[in-house]
Amino acid sequence: MQCELCGAKIRGAPKIVRIEGAELRVCSQCARLGTEVHRPPARPGAHRKTPGAPAAPQRRRPRDVFDLMEGEIVDDYSDRIRTSRMQKGWTQKDLAMRIKEKELLVKKFEKGDLIPEDVVRKKLEQVLGVSLLDTASDDLAADTGGTLTTTFGDLIKIKKGDR
């Protein structure tokens, strides 16, 4: 198992630590950076099933914002929206009426001030006939054979400029 903070291989049992409100499985060296979360020990007979006993309901993982996202939007989405609209000879107001959104929203999309949510993005793609999702990153992710993942430690190194 890999430390979720520094990326080092964890030897033994990982420590569960709360850092900035997030619970992470970390190595003993990174455990000092947060407060350790103590979970109650599992009861010895908790996993045994008795015949005829109803099955315990499975706990579902809470949904977050990333579950609702279908992919990564392209960097030049504003240019794609503007050029496609202009090729069709529509004004920003015309486009807004066709996707049933406010004109101000279309203006913000075209200026790059606002990234369209998935519902609005789908409307734009359908009406304008353009693709606003980045599919190349999906192909790159599928081609990598390793199991390395980005950790918080990697992000800190990137932000500081240490490589």
C-alpha atoms as a PDB file:
ATOM      1  CA  MET A   1       0.000   0.000   0.000  1.00  0.00           C
ATOM      2  CA  GLN A   2       1.176   3.534  -0.793  1.00  0.00           C
ATOM      3  CA  CYS A   3       1.152   6.502   1.596  1.00  0.00           C
ATOM      4  CA  GLU A   4      -1.519   8.913   0.404  1.00  0.00           C
ATOM      5  CA  LEU A   5       0.599  11.881   1.433  1.00  0.00           C
ATOM      6  CA  CYS A   6       4.195  11.194   0.367  1.00  0.00           C
ATOM      7  CA  GLY A   7       3.725   8.186  -1.916  1.00  0.00           C
ATOM      8  CA  ALA A   8       6.178   5.938  -0.057  1.00  0.00           C
ATOM      9  CA  LYS A   9       5.400   2.247   0.368  1.00  0.00           C
ATOM     10  CA  ILE A  10       3.809   1.618   3.760  1.00  0.00           C
ATOM     11  CA  ARG A  11       5.383  -1.179   5.739  1.00  0.00           C
ATOM     12  CA  GLY A  12       2.995  -2.757   8.227  1.00  0.00           C
ATOM     13  CA  ALA A  13      -0.407  -1.343   8.984  1.00  0.00           C
ATOM     14  CA  PRO A  14      -1.121   2.161   7.680  1.00  0.00           C
ATOM     15  CA  LYS A  15      -2.036   4.894  10.140  1.00  0.00           C
ATOM     16  CA  ILE A  16      -5.253   6.761   9.573  1.00  0.00           C
ATOM     17  CA  VAL A  17      -4.636  10.450  10.187  1.00  0.00           C
ATOM     18  CA  ARG A  18      -6.834  13.536   9.865  1.00  0.00           C
ATOM     19  CA  ILE A  19      -5.054  16.377   8.056  1.00  0.00           C
ATOM     20  CA  GLU A  20      -6.997  19.553   7.226  1.00  0.00           C
ATOM     21  CA  GLY A  21     -10.261  17.653   7.738  1.00  0.00           C
ATOM     22  CA  ALA A  22      -9.391  14.787   5.374  1.00  0.00           C
ATOM     23  CA  GLU A  23      -8.746  11.254   6.626  1.00  0.00           C
ATOM     24  CA  LEU A  24      -5.710   9.747   4.923  1.00  0.00           C
ATOM     25  CA  ARG A  25      -3.889   6.406   5.141  1.00  0.00           C
ATOM     26  CA  VAL A  26      -0.289   7.401   5.693  1.00  0.00           C
ATOM     27  CA  CYS A  27       3.095   5.984   6.676  1.00  0.00           C
ATOM     28  CA  SER A  28       4.437   6.379  10.210  1.00  0.00           C
ATOM     29  CA  GLN A  29       6.683   9.254   9.117  1.00  0.00           C
ATOM     30  CA  CYS A  30       3.772  11.310   7.710  1.00  0.00           C
ATOM     31  CA  ALA A  31       1.501  10.408  10.644  1.00  0.00           C
ATOM     32  CA  ARG A  32       3.108  13.137  12.744  1.00  0.00           C
ATOM     33  CA  LEU A  33       1.717  15.793  10.369  1.00  0.00           C
ATOM     34  CA  GLY A  34      -1.848  15.270  11.544  1.00  0.00           C
ATOM     35  CA  THR A  35      -3.949  13.826  14.329  1.00  0.00           C
ATOM     36  CA  GLU A  36      -4.408  10.084  14.385  1.00  0.00           C
ATOM     37  CA  VAL A  37      -7.985   8.859  14.049  1.00  0.00           C
ATOM     38  CA  HIS A  38      -8.775   5.992  16.388  1.00  0.00           C
ATOM     39  CA  ARG A  39     -11.419   3.631  15.107  1.00  0.00           C
ATOM     40  CA  PRO A  40     -13.140   1.213  17.465  1.00  0.00           C
ATOM     41  CA  PRO A  41     -11.716  -2.312  17.139  1.00  0.00           C
ATOM     42  CA  ALA A  42     -13.846  -4.795  15.248  1.00  0.00           C
ATOM     43  CA  ARG A  43     -15.795  -7.243  17.377  1.00  0.00           C
ATOM     44  CA  PRO A  44     -14.413 -10.796  17.162  1.00  0.00           C
ATOM     45  CA  GLY A  45     -17.616 -12.427  15.864  1.00  0.00           C
ATOM     46  CA  ALA A  46     -18.856  -9.526  13.773  1.00  0.00           C
ATOM     47  CA  HIS A  47     -18.173 -11.138  10.402  1.00  0.00           C
ATOM     48  CA  ARG A  48     -19.779 -14.500  11.096  1.00  0.00           C
ATOM     49  CA  LYS A  49     -23.131 -15.020   9.472  1.00  0.00           C
ATOM     50  CA  THR A  50     -25.790 -17.071  11.093  1.00  0.00           C
ATOM     51  CA  PRO A  51     -28.118 -19.002   8.821  1.00  0.00           C
ATOM     52  CA  GLY A  52     -31.436 -17.251   8.330  1.00  0.00           C
ATOM     53  CA  ALA A  53     -30.154 -13.914   9.657  1.00  0.00           C
ATOM     54  CA  PRO A  54     -30.912 -10.928   7.446  1.00  0.00           C
ATOM     55  CA  ALA A  55     -27.905  -9.528   5.624  1.00  0.00           C
ATOM     56  CA  ALA A  56     -26.595  -6.237   6.930  1.00  0.00           C
ATOM     57  CA  PRO A  57     -27.176  -3.386   4.501  1.00  0.00           C
ATOM     58  CA  GLN A  58     -24.028  -2.321   2.687  1.00  0.00           C
ATOM     59  CA  ARG A  59     -22.826   1.172   3.419  1.00  0.00           C
ATOM     60  CA  ARG A  60     -22.582   3.252   0.316  1.00  0.00           C
ATOM     61  CA  ARG A  61     -19.752   5.662  -0.258  1.00  0.00           C
ATOM     62  CA  PRO A  62     -21.044   9.240  -0.155  1.00  0.00           C
ATOM     63  CA  ARG A  63     -21.114  10.915  -3.522  1.00  0.00           C
ATOM     64  CA  ASP A  64     -18.919  13.888  -4.226  1.00  0.00           C
ATOM     65  CA  VAL A  65     -18.552  16.450  -6.987  1.00  0.00           C
ATOM     66  CA  PHE A  66     -16.145  14.282  -8.977  1.00  0.00           C
ATOM     67  CA  ASP A  67     -18.747  11.504  -9.306  1.00  0.00           C
ATOM     68  CA  LEU A  68     -20.988  13.900 -11.196  1.00  0.00           C
ATOM     69  CA  MET A  69     -18.301  14.891 -13.689  1.00  0.00           C
ATOM     70  CA  GLU A  70     -18.196  12.884 -16.898  1.00  0.00           C
ATOM     71  CA  GLY A  71     -14.789  14.001 -18.092  1.00  0.00           C
ATOM     72  CA  GLU A  72     -12.401  16.886 -18.306  1.00  0.00           C
ATOM     73  CA  ILE A  73     -13.471  19.875 -20.340  1.00  0.00           C
ATOM     74  CA  VAL A  74     -11.056  21.065 -23.034  1.00  0.00           C
ATOM     75  CA  ASP A  75      -8.901  24.137 -22.390  1.00  0.00           C
ATOM     76  CA  ASP A  76     -10.162  26.006 -25.460  1.00  0.00           C
ATOM     77  CA  TYR A  77     -13.873  25.486 -24.745  1.00  0.00           C
ATOM     78  CA  SER A  78     -14.566  29.228 -24.966  1.00  0.00           C
ATOM     79  CA  ASP A  79     -13.063  29.463 -28.468  1.00  0.00           C
ATOM     80  CA  ARG A  80     -14.948  26.365 -29.639  1.00  0.00           C
ATOM     81  CA  ILE A  81     -18.258  27.769 -28.391  1.00  0.00           C
ATOM     82  CA  ARG A  82     -17.664  31.212 -29.936  1.00  0.00           C
ATOM     83  CA  THR A  83     -16.452  29.987 -33.334  1.00  0.00           C
ATOM     84  CA  SER A  84     -19.227  27.431 -33.670  1.00  0.00           C
ATOM     85  CA  ARG A  85     -21.859  30.023 -32.753  1.00  0.00           C
ATOM     86  CA  MET A  86     -20.437  32.517 -35.235  1.00  0.00           C
ATOM     87  CA  GLN A  87     -20.280  29.888 -38.017  1.00  0.00           C
ATOM     88  CA  LYS A  88     -23.998  29.326 -37.552  1.00  0.00           C
ATOM     89  CA  GLY A  89     -24.573  33.098 -37.726  1.00  0.00           C
ATOM     90  CA  TRP A  90     -26.167  33.286 -34.271  1.00  0.00           C
ATOM     91  CA  THR A  91     -25.841  36.020 -31.707  1.00  0.00           C
ATOM     92  CA  GLN A  92     -25.141  35.203 -28.081  1.00  0.00           C
ATOM     93  CA  LYS A  93     -28.814  35.852 -27.373  1.00  0.00           C
ATOM     94  CA  ASP A  94     -29.854  33.357 -30.084  1.00  0.00           C
ATOM     95  CA  LEU A  95     -27.619  30.666 -28.577  1.00  0.00           C
ATOM     96  CA  ALA A  96     -28.932  31.397 -25.092  1.00  0.00           C
ATOM     97  CA  MET A  97     -32.515  30.998 -26.289  1.00  0.00           C
ATOM     98  CA  ARG A  98     -31.723  27.696 -28.044  1.00  0.00           C
ATOM     99  CA  ILE A  99     -30.129  26.155 -24.939  1.00  0.00           C
ATOM    100  CA  LYS A 100     -32.728  27.813 -22.654  1.00  0.00           C
ATOM    101  CA  GLU A 101     -30.145  29.615 -20.531  1.00  0.00           C
ATOM    102  CA  LYS A 102     -29.417  33.287 -19.823  1.00  0.00           C
ATOM    103  CA  GLU A 103     -27.433  35.374 -22.289  1.00  0.00           C
ATOM    104  CA  LEU A 104     -25.032  36.417 -19.516  1.00  0.00           C
ATOM    105  CA  LEU A 105     -24.122  32.755 -19.026  1.00  0.00           C
ATOM    106  CA  VAL A 106     -23.224  32.387 -22.705  1.00  0.00           C
ATOM    107  CA  LYS A 107     -21.102  35.548 -22.518  1.00  0.00           C
ATOM    108  CA  LYS A 108     -19.194  34.153 -19.526  1.00  0.00           C
ATOM    109  CA  PHE A 109     -18.604  30.836 -21.326  1.00  0.00           C
ATOM    110  CA  GLU A 110     -17.227  32.624 -24.379  1.00  0.00           C
ATOM    111  CA  LYS A 111     -14.955  34.853 -22.294  1.00  0.00           C
ATOM    112  CA  GLY A 112     -13.658  31.818 -20.414  1.00  0.00           C
ATOM    113  CA  ASP A 113     -14.822  33.204 -17.057  1.00  0.00           C
ATOM    114  CA  LEU A 114     -17.108  30.249 -16.356  1.00  0.00           C
ATOM    115  CA  ILE A 115     -16.836  26.545 -17.126  1.00  0.00           C
ATOM    116  CA  PRO A 116     -20.176  25.030 -18.180  1.00  0.00           C
ATOM    117  CA  GLU A 117     -21.676  22.385 -15.916  1.00  0.00           C
ATOM    118  CA  ASP A 118     -22.360  18.978 -17.450  1.00  0.00           C
ATOM    119  CA  VAL A 119     -26.060  19.672 -18.114  1.00  0.00           C
ATOM    120  CA  VAL A 120     -25.333  22.957 -19.912  1.00  0.00           C
ATOM    121  CA  ARG A 121     -22.275  21.465 -21.637  1.00  0.00           C
ATOM    122  CA  LYS A 122     -24.452  18.730 -23.150  1.00  0.00           C
ATOM    123  CA  LYS A 123     -26.925  21.330 -24.428  1.00  0.00           C
ATOM    124  CA  LEU A 124     -24.111  23.346 -25.976  1.00  0.00           C
ATOM    125  CA  GLU A 125     -22.599  20.273 -27.616  1.00  0.00           C
ATOM    126  CA  GLN A 126     -25.952  19.225 -29.045  1.00  0.00           C
ATOM    127  CA  VAL A 127     -26.986  22.651 -30.345  1.00  0.00           C
ATOM    128  CA  LEU A 128     -23.560  23.706 -31.658  1.00  0.00           C
ATOM    129  CA  GLY A 129     -22.382  20.279 -32.829  1.00  0.00           C
ATOM    130  CA  VAL A 130     -19.015  20.506 -31.032  1.00  0.00           C
ATOM    131  CA  SER A 131     -17.253  18.346 -28.466  1.00  0.00           C
ATOM    132  CA  LEU A 132     -16.180  20.098 -25.265  1.00  0.00           C
ATOM    133  CA  LEU A 133     -14.764  17.062 -23.458  1.00  0.00           C
ATOM    134  CA  ASP A 134     -11.096  16.122 -23.579  1.00  0.00           C
ATOM    135  CA  THR A 135     -10.807  12.523 -24.771  1.00  0.00           C
ATOM    136  CA  ALA A 136      -7.029  12.459 -25.293  1.00  0.00           C
ATOM    137  CA  SER A 137      -6.333  12.363 -21.550  1.00  0.00           C
ATOM    138  CA  ASP A 138      -8.503   9.252 -21.243  1.00  0.00           C
ATOM    139  CA  ASP A 139      -6.386   7.512 -23.889  1.00  0.00           C
ATOM    140  CA  LEU A 140      -3.158   8.445 -22.113  1.00  0.00           C
ATOM    141  CA  ALA A 141      -4.453   7.190 -18.779  1.00  0.00           C
ATOM    142  CA  ALA A 142      -5.425   3.862 -20.333  1.00  0.00           C
ATOM    143  CA  ASP A 143      -1.994   3.387 -21.944  1.00  0.00           C
ATOM    144  CA  THR A 144       0.028   3.793 -18.752  1.00  0.00           C
ATOM    145  CA  GLY A 145       0.689   0.384 -17.281  1.00  0.00           C
ATOM    146  CA  GLY A 146       2.010   1.493 -13.888  1.00  0.00           C
ATOM    147  CA  THR A 147       0.166   1.817 -10.637  1.00  0.00           C
ATOM    148  CA  LEU A 148       1.717   5.116  -9.616  1.00  0.00           C
ATOM    149  CA  THR A 149      -0.702   7.767  -8.514  1.00  0.00           C
ATOM    150  CA  THR A 150      -0.335  11.437  -7.722  1.00  0.00           C
ATOM    151  CA  THR A 151      -0.101  12.116  -4.020  1.00  0.00           C
ATOM    152  CA  PHE A 152      -0.399  15.303  -1.986  1.00  0.00           C
ATOM    153  CA  GLY A 153       3.368  15.254  -1.647  1.00  0.00           C
ATOM    154  CA  ASP A 154       3.735  15.372  -5.437  1.00  0.00           C
ATOM    155  CA  LEU A 155       1.431  18.379  -5.598  1.00  0.00           C
ATOM    156  CA  ILE A 156       3.434  20.193  -2.961  1.00  0.00           C
ATOM    157  CA  LYS A 157       6.652  19.528  -4.881  1.00  0.00           C
ATOM    158  CA  ILE A 158       5.085  20.780  -8.099  1.00  0.00           C
ATOM    159  CA  LYS A 159       3.741  23.932  -6.427  1.00  0.00           C
ATOM    160  CA  LYS A 160       7.089  24.747  -4.785  1.00  0.00           C
ATOM    161  CA  GLY A 161       8.942  24.051  -8.015  1.00  0.00           C
ATOM    162  CA  ASP A 162      11.042  21.212  -6.507  1.00  0.00           C
ATOM    163  CA  ARG A 163      11.321  18.343  -8.911  1.00  0.00           C
END
